[in-house]
Amino acid sequence: MTEGFTRSTELPLYWRADGPANAPPLLLLHGGPGAHHDYLYPQMGTLSDHYRVITYDQRGGGRSKTDDPAPITWHTQVGDLMQIVTEFTLAPPTIIGYSWGALLAMLYAIECARLGHHDQAPARLVLVSPAPISRAWRDEFESSLAARGRSAAVLAMREELAASGLREQDPVAYRQRAFELSVAGYFADPARARALTPFRVTGRVQQSVWESLGSFDLRHDLRAVHCPALVIHGTHDPIPVASAAAAAQALDAELLLLDECGHVPYVEQPERLFNAIRRFLAESHGSLRSGYAHTDHHDSP
């Protein structure tokens, strides 16, 4: 792994790259907004066997936090992404976006089309568990997630933890279990949350980005995006399948639905997920720009 901080963005953003230096590059976008890349690992690192996987902590989260009180918007995040594509000489990039990262990838592609930046437009898109592409579907997602958090199974596990005495006996184990229960509603089987790397979200960033989108609906704008695309979504994801299907339809993309899978397929259905991604990348190989040309940074191990 190599890592560093960007030089071209207004705020230096932490980045890491895994895999052979001369392998085809993949740009991986984490979810949130306001989160950081860590929770995609170690599972997403499996792609670094044959690809150079580049990711970064988006502005406002992880090691890219800022004390600047100015709101961070979706325009901010798209602008940073454009700078990263240029700085790392990735144009045209192959982008794998997860959750909010998938929505960010779509917003980026829409802006490239709108501005006529065809050289920076994605060569390929892999959208994993994409965040809702409209405000109505986001509202539906929030209601579904809240209901799952109040389910009898999750409430019973919360009561069990509260009565366990673990908070006093082993605070580290208690925090881990509390995290698992906080994300249990995202999983088809809440027990699988144990395999998810813990993470935090910077609340003000999450709020400002979603507020900046207003009453959004990307279905029409996505029709201007023309590149090979794959949309992967779990049938038990609290984000409506209808949203992922609409994104796939607007992009003229392949839609793969994973049974017995919620919002985290790299934990819940890793074999099916990575087989599908590898197949798609191999089949669309002609769109891939070979090599990795980020030579102007002094990387540290």
C-alpha atoms as a PDB file:
ATOM      1  CA  MET A   1       0.000   0.000   0.000  1.00  0.00           C
ATOM      2  CA  THR A   2       1.078   3.566  -0.706  1.00  0.00           C
ATOM      3  CA  GLU A   3      -0.598   6.615   0.769  1.00  0.00           C
ATOM      4  CA  GLY A   4      -0.425  10.379   0.931  1.00  0.00           C
ATOM      5  CA  PHE A   5      -2.424  13.581   0.608  1.00  0.00           C
ATOM      6  CA  THR A   6      -3.670  15.223  -2.550  1.00  0.00           C
ATOM      7  CA  ARG A   7      -1.918  18.380  -3.750  1.00  0.00           C
ATOM      8  CA  SER A   8      -4.455  19.821  -6.170  1.00  0.00           C
ATOM      9  CA  THR A   9      -7.591  19.928  -4.007  1.00  0.00           C
ATOM     10  CA  GLU A  10      -8.464  22.974  -1.909  1.00  0.00           C
ATOM     11  CA  LEU A  11      -8.174  20.797   1.205  1.00  0.00           C
ATOM     12  CA  PRO A  12      -5.499  18.066   1.142  1.00  0.00           C
ATOM     13  CA  LEU A  13      -7.368  14.770   1.047  1.00  0.00           C
ATOM     14  CA  TYR A  14      -5.959  11.512   2.361  1.00  0.00           C
ATOM     15  CA  TRP A  15      -5.571   8.778  -0.275  1.00  0.00           C
ATOM     16  CA  ARG A  16      -4.283   5.226  -0.454  1.00  0.00           C
ATOM     17  CA  ALA A  17      -3.470   2.912  -3.335  1.00  0.00           C
ATOM     18  CA  ASP A  18      -3.278  -0.880  -3.170  1.00  0.00           C
ATOM     19  CA  GLY A  19      -2.108  -3.359  -5.765  1.00  0.00           C
ATOM     20  CA  PRO A  20       0.598  -3.467  -8.445  1.00  0.00           C
ATOM     21  CA  ALA A  21       1.786  -0.017  -9.502  1.00  0.00           C
ATOM     22  CA  ASN A  22       1.432  -0.862 -13.202  1.00  0.00           C
ATOM     23  CA  ALA A  23      -1.967  -2.566 -12.917  1.00  0.00           C
ATOM     24  CA  PRO A  24      -5.158  -1.057 -14.395  1.00  0.00           C
ATOM     25  CA  PRO A  25      -6.467   1.562 -11.960  1.00  0.00           C
ATOM     26  CA  LEU A  26      -9.831   1.475 -10.240  1.00  0.00           C
ATOM     27  CA  LEU A  27     -11.099   4.499  -8.320  1.00  0.00           C
ATOM     28  CA  LEU A  28     -13.092   3.356  -5.276  1.00  0.00           C
ATOM     29  CA  LEU A  29     -15.558   5.770  -3.636  1.00  0.00           C
ATOM     30  CA  HIS A  30     -16.742   5.089  -0.095  1.00  0.00           C
ATOM     31  CA  GLY A  31     -20.175   5.789   1.324  1.00  0.00           C
ATOM     32  CA  GLY A  32     -21.430   8.343   3.787  1.00  0.00           C
ATOM     33  CA  PRO A  33     -21.377  11.209   3.089  1.00  0.00           C
ATOM     34  CA  GLY A  34     -19.120  12.206   5.951  1.00  0.00           C
ATOM     35  CA  ALA A  35     -17.604   8.745   6.424  1.00  0.00           C
ATOM     36  CA  HIS A  36     -14.174   7.431   5.429  1.00  0.00           C
ATOM     37  CA  HIS A  37     -12.714   4.640   3.348  1.00  0.00           C
ATOM     38  CA  ASP A  38     -11.647   2.244   6.136  1.00  0.00           C
ATOM     39  CA  TYR A  39     -14.880   0.290   6.476  1.00  0.00           C
ATOM     40  CA  LEU A  40     -14.648  -0.962   2.891  1.00  0.00           C
ATOM     41  CA  TYR A  41     -11.570  -2.913   3.944  1.00  0.00           C
ATOM     42  CA  PRO A  42     -10.299  -5.571   4.194  1.00  0.00           C
ATOM     43  CA  GLN A  43     -12.956  -7.037   1.879  1.00  0.00           C
ATOM     44  CA  MET A  44     -12.746  -4.549  -1.028  1.00  0.00           C
ATOM     45  CA  GLY A  45      -8.993  -4.975  -1.004  1.00  0.00           C
ATOM     46  CA  THR A  46      -9.483  -8.284  -2.772  1.00  0.00           C
ATOM     47  CA  LEU A  47      -9.659  -6.355  -6.067  1.00  0.00           C
ATOM     48  CA  SER A  48      -6.067  -5.204  -5.630  1.00  0.00           C
ATOM     49  CA  ASP A  49      -4.736  -8.566  -6.780  1.00  0.00           C
ATOM     50  CA  HIS A  50      -5.120  -7.560 -10.438  1.00  0.00           C
ATOM     51  CA  TYR A  51      -5.959  -3.853 -10.186  1.00  0.00           C
ATOM     52  CA  ARG A  52      -4.479  -0.709  -8.685  1.00  0.00           C
ATOM     53  CA  VAL A  53      -7.270   0.237  -6.267  1.00  0.00           C
ATOM     54  CA  ILE A  54      -7.168   3.938  -5.389  1.00  0.00           C
ATOM     55  CA  THR A  55      -9.437   5.400  -2.752  1.00  0.00           C
ATOM     56  CA  TYR A  56      -9.534   8.475  -0.553  1.00  0.00           C
ATOM     57  CA  ASP A  57     -11.284   9.951   2.463  1.00  0.00           C
ATOM     58  CA  GLN A  58     -13.796  12.390   1.032  1.00  0.00           C
ATOM     59  CA  ARG A  59     -13.735  15.919   2.347  1.00  0.00           C
ATOM     60  CA  GLY A  60     -15.033  16.209   5.880  1.00  0.00           C
ATOM     61  CA  GLY A  61     -14.455  12.608   6.965  1.00  0.00           C
ATOM     62  CA  GLY A  62     -11.668  10.372   8.216  1.00  0.00           C
ATOM     63  CA  ARG A  63      -8.218  11.833   7.646  1.00  0.00           C
ATOM     64  CA  SER A  64      -9.721  14.503   5.373  1.00  0.00           C
ATOM     65  CA  LYS A  65     -11.604  16.268   8.169  1.00  0.00           C
ATOM     66  CA  THR A  66     -11.707  20.037   8.213  1.00  0.00           C
ATOM     67  CA  ASP A  67     -12.518  22.724  10.775  1.00  0.00           C
ATOM     68  CA  ASP A  68     -13.791  25.023   8.019  1.00  0.00           C
ATOM     69  CA  PRO A  69     -17.414  25.818   8.961  1.00  0.00           C
ATOM     70  CA  ALA A  70     -18.437  26.332   5.324  1.00  0.00           C
ATOM     71  CA  PRO A  71     -21.031  23.741   4.265  1.00  0.00           C
ATOM     72  CA  ILE A  72     -19.726  20.787   2.273  1.00  0.00           C
ATOM     73  CA  THR A  73     -22.102  20.144  -0.606  1.00  0.00           C
ATOM     74  CA  TRP A  74     -22.441  17.630  -3.378  1.00  0.00           C
ATOM     75  CA  HIS A  75     -20.811  20.229  -5.648  1.00  0.00           C
ATOM     76  CA  THR A  76     -17.825  20.268  -3.268  1.00  0.00           C
ATOM     77  CA  GLN A  77     -17.497  16.487  -3.424  1.00  0.00           C
ATOM     78  CA  VAL A  78     -17.833  16.360  -7.219  1.00  0.00           C
ATOM     79  CA  GLY A  79     -15.239  19.117  -7.563  1.00  0.00           C
ATOM     80  CA  ASP A  80     -12.806  17.192  -5.377  1.00  0.00           C
ATOM     81  CA  LEU A  81     -13.404  14.067  -7.427  1.00  0.00           C
ATOM     82  CA  MET A  82     -12.670  15.922 -10.661  1.00  0.00           C
ATOM     83  CA  GLN A  83      -9.387  17.169  -9.188  1.00  0.00           C
ATOM     84  CA  ILE A  84      -8.418  13.668  -8.090  1.00  0.00           C
ATOM     85  CA  VAL A  85      -9.119  12.191 -11.519  1.00  0.00           C
ATOM     86  CA  THR A  86      -6.815  14.813 -13.010  1.00  0.00           C
ATOM     87  CA  GLU A  87      -4.098  14.618 -10.347  1.00  0.00           C
ATOM     88  CA  PHE A  88      -3.855  10.843 -10.543  1.00  0.00           C
ATOM     89  CA  THR A  89      -4.018  10.868 -14.367  1.00  0.00           C
ATOM     90  CA  LEU A  90      -7.019   8.539 -14.327  1.00  0.00           C
ATOM     91  CA  ALA A  91      -9.067  10.103 -17.126  1.00  0.00           C
ATOM     92  CA  PRO A  92     -11.192   8.429 -18.241  1.00  0.00           C
ATOM     93  CA  PRO A  93     -11.654   6.741 -14.853  1.00  0.00           C
ATOM     94  CA  THR A  94     -13.150   3.389 -14.009  1.00  0.00           C
ATOM     95  CA  ILE A  95     -15.145   4.125 -10.863  1.00  0.00           C
ATOM     96  CA  ILE A  96     -16.524   1.714  -8.279  1.00  0.00           C
ATOM     97  CA  GLY A  97     -18.887   3.548  -5.971  1.00  0.00           C
ATOM     98  CA  TYR A  98     -20.479   2.111  -2.847  1.00  0.00           C
ATOM     99  CA  SER A  99     -23.691   3.527  -1.335  1.00  0.00           C
ATOM    100  CA  TRP A 100     -23.281   7.344  -1.247  1.00  0.00           C
ATOM    101  CA  GLY A 101     -20.089   6.788  -3.261  1.00  0.00           C
ATOM    102  CA  ALA A 102     -22.227   5.316  -6.042  1.00  0.00           C
ATOM    103  CA  LEU A 103     -24.443   8.399  -5.982  1.00  0.00           C
ATOM    104  CA  LEU A 104     -21.331  10.591  -6.028  1.00  0.00           C
ATOM    105  CA  ALA A 105     -20.113   8.673  -9.086  1.00  0.00           C
ATOM    106  CA  MET A 106     -23.431   9.325 -10.819  1.00  0.00           C
ATOM    107  CA  LEU A 107     -23.378  13.019  -9.916  1.00  0.00           C
ATOM    108  CA  TYR A 108     -19.821  13.221 -11.226  1.00  0.00           C
ATOM    109  CA  ALA A 109     -20.802  11.558 -14.499  1.00  0.00           C
ATOM    110  CA  ILE A 110     -23.802  13.884 -14.882  1.00  0.00           C
ATOM    111  CA  GLU A 111     -21.620  16.959 -14.304  1.00  0.00           C
ATOM    112  CA  CYS A 112     -19.028  15.752 -16.817  1.00  0.00           C
ATOM    113  CA  ALA A 113     -21.799  15.397 -19.399  1.00  0.00           C
ATOM    114  CA  ARG A 114     -23.331  18.764 -18.532  1.00  0.00           C
ATOM    115  CA  LEU A 115     -20.007  20.609 -18.692  1.00  0.00           C
ATOM    116  CA  GLY A 116     -18.787  18.788 -21.787  1.00  0.00           C
ATOM    117  CA  HIS A 117     -15.824  17.288 -19.917  1.00  0.00           C
ATOM    118  CA  HIS A 118     -15.926  14.155 -22.022  1.00  0.00           C
ATOM    119  CA  ASP A 119     -12.246  13.392 -21.435  1.00  0.00           C
ATOM    120  CA  GLN A 120     -12.880  13.128 -17.680  1.00  0.00           C
ATOM    121  CA  ALA A 121     -16.185  11.282 -17.954  1.00  0.00           C
ATOM    122  CA  PRO A 122     -16.187   7.738 -16.548  1.00  0.00           C
ATOM    123  CA  ALA A 123     -15.034   4.975 -18.836  1.00  0.00           C
ATOM    124  CA  ARG A 124     -17.026   2.514 -16.717  1.00  0.00           C
ATOM    125  CA  LEU A 125     -19.194   2.604 -13.609  1.00  0.00           C
ATOM    126  CA  VAL A 126     -19.774  -0.089 -11.011  1.00  0.00           C
ATOM    127  CA  LEU A 127     -22.507   1.055  -8.616  1.00  0.00           C
ATOM    128  CA  VAL A 128     -22.743  -1.123  -5.505  1.00  0.00           C
ATOM    129  CA  SER A 129     -25.783  -0.646  -3.251  1.00  0.00           C
ATOM    130  CA  PRO A 130     -26.318   2.849  -4.687  1.00  0.00           C
ATOM    131  CA  ALA A 131     -27.848   5.467  -2.425  1.00  0.00           C
ATOM    132  CA  PRO A 132     -31.372   6.569  -3.443  1.00  0.00           C
ATOM    133  CA  ILE A 133     -31.441   8.574  -6.662  1.00  0.00           C
ATOM    134  CA  SER A 134     -34.445  10.682  -5.621  1.00  0.00           C
ATOM    135  CA  ARG A 135     -35.643  12.419  -2.486  1.00  0.00           C
ATOM    136  CA  ALA A 136     -38.778  10.258  -2.420  1.00  0.00           C
ATOM    137  CA  TRP A 137     -36.737   7.057  -2.426  1.00  0.00           C
ATOM    138  CA  ARG A 138     -34.440   8.507   0.246  1.00  0.00           C
ATOM    139  CA  ASP A 139     -37.463   9.188   2.452  1.00  0.00           C
ATOM    140  CA  GLU A 140     -38.608   5.607   1.873  1.00  0.00           C
ATOM    141  CA  PHE A 141     -35.147   4.330   2.799  1.00  0.00           C
ATOM    142  CA  GLU A 142     -35.040   6.315   6.036  1.00  0.00           C
ATOM    143  CA  SER A 143     -38.463   4.977   7.077  1.00  0.00           C
ATOM    144  CA  SER A 144     -37.443   1.403   6.279  1.00  0.00           C
ATOM    145  CA  LEU A 145     -34.147   1.668   8.174  1.00  0.00           C
ATOM    146  CA  ALA A 146     -35.853   3.173  11.220  1.00  0.00           C
ATOM    147  CA  ALA A 147     -38.418   0.369  11.239  1.00  0.00           C
ATOM    148  CA  ARG A 148     -35.684  -2.253  11.099  1.00  0.00           C
ATOM    149  CA  GLY A 149     -33.973  -0.624  14.055  1.00  0.00           C
ATOM    150  CA  ARG A 150     -37.200  -1.101  16.024  1.00  0.00           C
ATOM    151  CA  SER A 151     -37.656  -4.734  15.036  1.00  0.00           C
ATOM    152  CA  ALA A 152     -38.180  -7.299  17.781  1.00  0.00           C
ATOM    153  CA  ALA A 153     -34.901  -9.049  16.960  1.00  0.00           C
ATOM    154  CA  VAL A 154     -32.795  -5.887  17.172  1.00  0.00           C
ATOM    155  CA  LEU A 155     -34.580  -4.640  20.312  1.00  0.00           C
ATOM    156  CA  ALA A 156     -33.950  -8.010  21.973  1.00  0.00           C
ATOM    157  CA  MET A 157     -30.238  -7.810  21.130  1.00  0.00           C
ATOM    158  CA  ARG A 158     -30.082  -4.268  22.542  1.00  0.00           C
ATOM    159  CA  GLU A 159     -31.718  -5.408  25.772  1.00  0.00           C
ATOM    160  CA  GLU A 160     -29.324  -8.341  25.982  1.00  0.00           C
ATOM    161  CA  LEU A 161     -26.333  -6.033  25.603  1.00  0.00           C
ATOM    162  CA  ALA A 162     -27.641  -3.597  28.207  1.00  0.00           C
ATOM    163  CA  ALA A 163     -28.081  -6.406  30.729  1.00  0.00           C
ATOM    164  CA  SER A 164     -24.787  -8.133  29.954  1.00  0.00           C
ATOM    165  CA  GLY A 165     -22.524  -5.957  32.078  1.00  0.00           C
ATOM    166  CA  LEU A 166     -20.124  -5.838  29.149  1.00  0.00           C
ATOM    167  CA  ARG A 167     -19.890  -2.059  29.301  1.00  0.00           C
ATOM    168  CA  GLU A 168     -18.050  -2.257  32.611  1.00  0.00           C
ATOM    169  CA  GLN A 169     -16.275  -5.580  32.048  1.00  0.00           C
ATOM    170  CA  ASP A 170     -14.897  -4.978  28.554  1.00  0.00           C
ATOM    171  CA  PRO A 171     -15.515  -1.454  27.165  1.00  0.00           C
ATOM    172  CA  VAL A 172     -13.828  -2.265  23.843  1.00  0.00           C
ATOM    173  CA  ALA A 173     -16.042  -5.296  23.251  1.00  0.00           C
ATOM    174  CA  TYR A 174     -19.063  -3.264  24.350  1.00  0.00           C
ATOM    175  CA  ARG A 175     -18.337  -0.520  21.807  1.00  0.00           C
ATOM    176  CA  GLN A 176     -17.889  -3.120  19.072  1.00  0.00           C
ATOM    177  CA  ARG A 177     -21.212  -4.752  19.891  1.00  0.00           C
ATOM    178  CA  ALA A 178     -22.951  -1.371  20.118  1.00  0.00           C
ATOM    179  CA  PHE A 179     -21.631  -0.527  16.658  1.00  0.00           C
ATOM    180  CA  GLU A 180     -22.892  -3.823  15.258  1.00  0.00           C
ATOM    181  CA  LEU A 181     -26.367  -3.124  16.605  1.00  0.00           C
ATOM    182  CA  SER A 182     -26.298   0.427  15.209  1.00  0.00           C
ATOM    183  CA  VAL A 183     -25.859  -0.940  11.677  1.00  0.00           C
ATOM    184  CA  ALA A 184     -27.875  -4.152  12.053  1.00  0.00           C
ATOM    185  CA  GLY A 185     -30.785  -2.747  10.047  1.00  0.00           C
ATOM    186  CA  TYR A 186     -28.628  -2.581   6.927  1.00  0.00           C
ATOM    187  CA  PHE A 187     -28.156  -6.362   6.853  1.00  0.00           C
ATOM    188  CA  ALA A 188     -30.437  -9.163   5.702  1.00  0.00           C
ATOM    189  CA  ASP A 189     -29.083 -11.113   8.693  1.00  0.00           C
ATOM    190  CA  PRO A 190     -28.118  -8.747  11.553  1.00  0.00           C
ATOM    191  CA  ALA A 191     -25.539 -11.284  12.788  1.00  0.00           C
ATOM    192  CA  ARG A 192     -23.399 -10.544   9.722  1.00  0.00           C
ATOM    193  CA  ALA A 193     -22.752  -7.023  11.006  1.00  0.00           C
ATOM    194  CA  ARG A 194     -19.924  -8.538  13.063  1.00  0.00           C
ATOM    195  CA  ALA A 195     -17.742  -8.649   9.938  1.00  0.00           C
ATOM    196  CA  LEU A 196     -18.115  -4.950   9.109  1.00  0.00           C
ATOM    197  CA  THR A 197     -15.156  -2.740  10.004  1.00  0.00           C
ATOM    198  CA  PRO A 198     -16.401  -0.055  12.434  1.00  0.00           C
ATOM    199  CA  PHE A 199     -16.571   3.526  11.189  1.00  0.00           C
ATOM    200  CA  ARG A 200     -17.902   6.926  12.102  1.00  0.00           C
ATOM    201  CA  VAL A 201     -19.805   9.549  10.151  1.00  0.00           C
ATOM    202  CA  THR A 202     -19.288  13.294  10.589  1.00  0.00           C
ATOM    203  CA  GLY A 203     -22.895  14.340  11.089  1.00  0.00           C
ATOM    204  CA  ARG A 204     -22.624  17.944   9.891  1.00  0.00           C
ATOM    205  CA  VAL A 205     -21.061  16.805   6.610  1.00  0.00           C
ATOM    206  CA  GLN A 206     -23.711  14.181   6.056  1.00  0.00           C
ATOM    207  CA  GLN A 207     -26.453  16.718   6.724  1.00  0.00           C
ATOM    208  CA  SER A 208     -25.003  19.490   4.560  1.00  0.00           C
ATOM    209  CA  VAL A 209     -24.449  17.219   1.564  1.00  0.00           C
ATOM    210  CA  TRP A 210     -27.956  15.768   1.646  1.00  0.00           C
ATOM    211  CA  GLU A 211     -29.472  19.225   2.166  1.00  0.00           C
ATOM    212  CA  SER A 212     -27.544  20.541  -0.835  1.00  0.00           C
ATOM    213  CA  LEU A 213     -29.289  18.008  -3.064  1.00  0.00           C
ATOM    214  CA  GLY A 214     -32.716  19.475  -2.275  1.00  0.00           C
ATOM    215  CA  SER A 215     -35.640  17.671  -3.902  1.00  0.00           C
ATOM    216  CA  PHE A 216     -33.384  15.732  -6.224  1.00  0.00           C
ATOM    217  CA  ASP A 217     -34.317  13.138  -8.827  1.00  0.00           C
ATOM    218  CA  LEU A 218     -31.516  11.944 -11.097  1.00  0.00           C
ATOM    219  CA  ARG A 219     -33.515   9.739 -13.452  1.00  0.00           C
ATOM    220  CA  HIS A 220     -33.668  12.255 -16.287  1.00  0.00           C
ATOM    221  CA  ASP A 221     -30.108  13.544 -15.924  1.00  0.00           C
ATOM    222  CA  LEU A 222     -28.637  10.032 -15.896  1.00  0.00           C
ATOM    223  CA  ARG A 223     -29.804   9.529 -19.464  1.00  0.00           C
ATOM    224  CA  ALA A 224     -27.013  11.871 -20.578  1.00  0.00           C
ATOM    225  CA  VAL A 225     -24.392   9.484 -19.170  1.00  0.00           C
ATOM    226  CA  HIS A 226     -23.073   7.021 -21.737  1.00  0.00           C
ATOM    227  CA  CYS A 227     -20.635   4.383 -20.540  1.00  0.00           C
ATOM    228  CA  PRO A 228     -20.741   0.701 -19.634  1.00  0.00           C
ATOM    229  CA  ALA A 229     -22.274   0.354 -16.179  1.00  0.00           C
ATOM    230  CA  LEU A 230     -23.163  -2.346 -13.685  1.00  0.00           C
ATOM    231  CA  VAL A 231     -25.612  -1.804 -10.801  1.00  0.00           C
ATOM    232  CA  ILE A 232     -25.538  -4.298  -7.915  1.00  0.00           C
ATOM    233  CA  HIS A 233     -28.177  -4.237  -5.193  1.00  0.00           C
ATOM    234  CA  GLY A 234     -29.325  -6.561  -2.419  1.00  0.00           C
ATOM    235  CA  THR A 235     -32.961  -7.611  -2.392  1.00  0.00           C
ATOM    236  CA  HIS A 236     -33.041  -6.959   1.393  1.00  0.00           C
ATOM    237  CA  ASP A 237     -31.376  -3.553   1.215  1.00  0.00           C
ATOM    238  CA  PRO A 238     -33.375  -0.892   3.097  1.00  0.00           C
ATOM    239  CA  ILE A 239     -32.693   1.324   0.078  1.00  0.00           C
ATOM    240  CA  PRO A 240     -35.538   0.523  -2.331  1.00  0.00           C
ATOM    241  CA  VAL A 241     -34.707  -1.878  -5.130  1.00  0.00           C
ATOM    242  CA  ALA A 242     -36.844   0.387  -7.317  1.00  0.00           C
ATOM    243  CA  SER A 243     -34.240   3.145  -6.986  1.00  0.00           C
ATOM    244  CA  ALA A 244     -31.403   0.879  -8.140  1.00  0.00           C
ATOM    245  CA  ALA A 245     -33.567  -0.439 -10.977  1.00  0.00           C
ATOM    246  CA  ALA A 246     -34.392   3.092 -12.110  1.00  0.00           C
ATOM    247  CA  ALA A 247     -30.702   4.012 -12.086  1.00  0.00           C
ATOM    248  CA  ALA A 248     -29.874   0.949 -14.167  1.00  0.00           C
ATOM    249  CA  GLN A 249     -32.657   1.741 -16.622  1.00  0.00           C
ATOM    250  CA  ALA A 250     -31.588   5.370 -17.031  1.00  0.00           C
ATOM    251  CA  LEU A 251     -27.964   4.322 -17.580  1.00  0.00           C
ATOM    252  CA  ASP A 252     -28.899   1.399 -19.851  1.00  0.00           C
ATOM    253  CA  ALA A 253     -26.894  -0.664 -17.391  1.00  0.00           C
ATOM    254  CA  GLU A 254     -26.918  -4.264 -16.245  1.00  0.00           C
ATOM    255  CA  LEU A 255     -28.770  -4.746 -12.943  1.00  0.00           C
ATOM    256  CA  LEU A 256     -27.706  -7.579 -10.661  1.00  0.00           C
ATOM    257  CA  LEU A 257     -29.932  -8.296  -7.654  1.00  0.00           C
ATOM    258  CA  LEU A 258     -28.394 -10.350  -4.844  1.00  0.00           C
ATOM    259  CA  ASP A 259     -30.743 -12.544  -2.803  1.00  0.00           C
ATOM    260  CA  GLU A 260     -30.265 -12.861   0.962  1.00  0.00           C
ATOM    261  CA  CYS A 261     -28.308  -9.625   0.888  1.00  0.00           C
ATOM    262  CA  GLY A 262     -28.873  -6.219   2.427  1.00  0.00           C
ATOM    263  CA  HIS A 263     -26.830  -3.064   1.952  1.00  0.00           C
ATOM    264  CA  VAL A 264     -23.341  -4.538   2.442  1.00  0.00           C
ATOM    265  CA  PRO A 265     -22.737  -7.181  -0.251  1.00  0.00           C
ATOM    266  CA  TYR A 266     -18.975  -7.170   0.237  1.00  0.00           C
ATOM    267  CA  VAL A 267     -19.702  -8.639   3.699  1.00  0.00           C
ATOM    268  CA  GLU A 268     -22.945 -10.525   2.993  1.00  0.00           C
ATOM    269  CA  GLN A 269     -22.344 -11.936  -0.498  1.00  0.00           C
ATOM    270  CA  PRO A 270     -18.648 -11.310  -1.280  1.00  0.00           C
ATOM    271  CA  GLU A 271     -18.158 -14.165  -3.733  1.00  0.00           C
ATOM    272  CA  ARG A 272     -21.120 -13.184  -5.905  1.00  0.00           C
ATOM    273  CA  LEU A 273     -20.233  -9.499  -5.675  1.00  0.00           C
ATOM    274  CA  PHE A 274     -16.596  -9.800  -6.656  1.00  0.00           C
ATOM    275  CA  ASN A 275     -17.273 -12.398  -9.343  1.00  0.00           C
ATOM    276  CA  ALA A 276     -19.771  -9.988 -10.922  1.00  0.00           C
ATOM    277  CA  ILE A 277     -17.389  -7.025 -10.709  1.00  0.00           C
ATOM    278  CA  ARG A 278     -14.497  -8.998 -12.207  1.00  0.00           C
ATOM    279  CA  ARG A 279     -16.697 -10.328 -14.999  1.00  0.00           C
ATOM    280  CA  PHE A 280     -17.960  -6.845 -15.838  1.00  0.00           C
ATOM    281  CA  LEU A 281     -14.450  -5.369 -15.831  1.00  0.00           C
ATOM    282  CA  ALA A 282     -13.177  -8.161 -18.056  1.00  0.00           C
ATOM    283  CA  GLU A 283     -16.076  -7.889 -20.507  1.00  0.00           C
ATOM    284  CA  SER A 284     -15.708  -4.098 -20.769  1.00  0.00           C
ATOM    285  CA  HIS A 285     -11.903  -4.257 -20.953  1.00  0.00           C
ATOM    286  CA  GLY A 286     -11.824  -2.195 -24.147  1.00  0.00           C
ATOM    287  CA  SER A 287     -12.957   0.860 -22.180  1.00  0.00           C
ATOM    288  CA  LEU A 288     -10.090   0.615 -19.722  1.00  0.00           C
ATOM    289  CA  ARG A 289      -7.117   2.903 -19.955  1.00  0.00           C
ATOM    290  CA  SER A 290      -4.037   0.829 -19.255  1.00  0.00           C
ATOM    291  CA  GLY A 291      -1.429   1.684 -16.675  1.00  0.00           C
ATOM    292  CA  TYR A 292      -1.228   3.915 -13.667  1.00  0.00           C
ATOM    293  CA  ALA A 293       0.430   7.252 -14.237  1.00  0.00           C
ATOM    294  CA  HIS A 294       0.394   8.953 -10.844  1.00  0.00           C
ATOM    295  CA  THR A 295       4.105   9.748 -10.850  1.00  0.00           C
ATOM    296  CA  ASP A 296       4.275  13.208  -9.343  1.00  0.00           C
ATOM    297  CA  HIS A 297       3.767  12.106  -5.718  1.00  0.00           C
ATOM    298  CA  HIS A 298       6.431  10.880  -3.337  1.00  0.00           C
ATOM    299  CA  ASP A 299       4.598   7.917  -1.887  1.00  0.00           C
ATOM    300  CA  SER A 300       5.228   6.625   1.618  1.00  0.00           C
ATOM    301  CA  PRO A 301       4.774   2.945   2.501  1.00  0.00           C
END
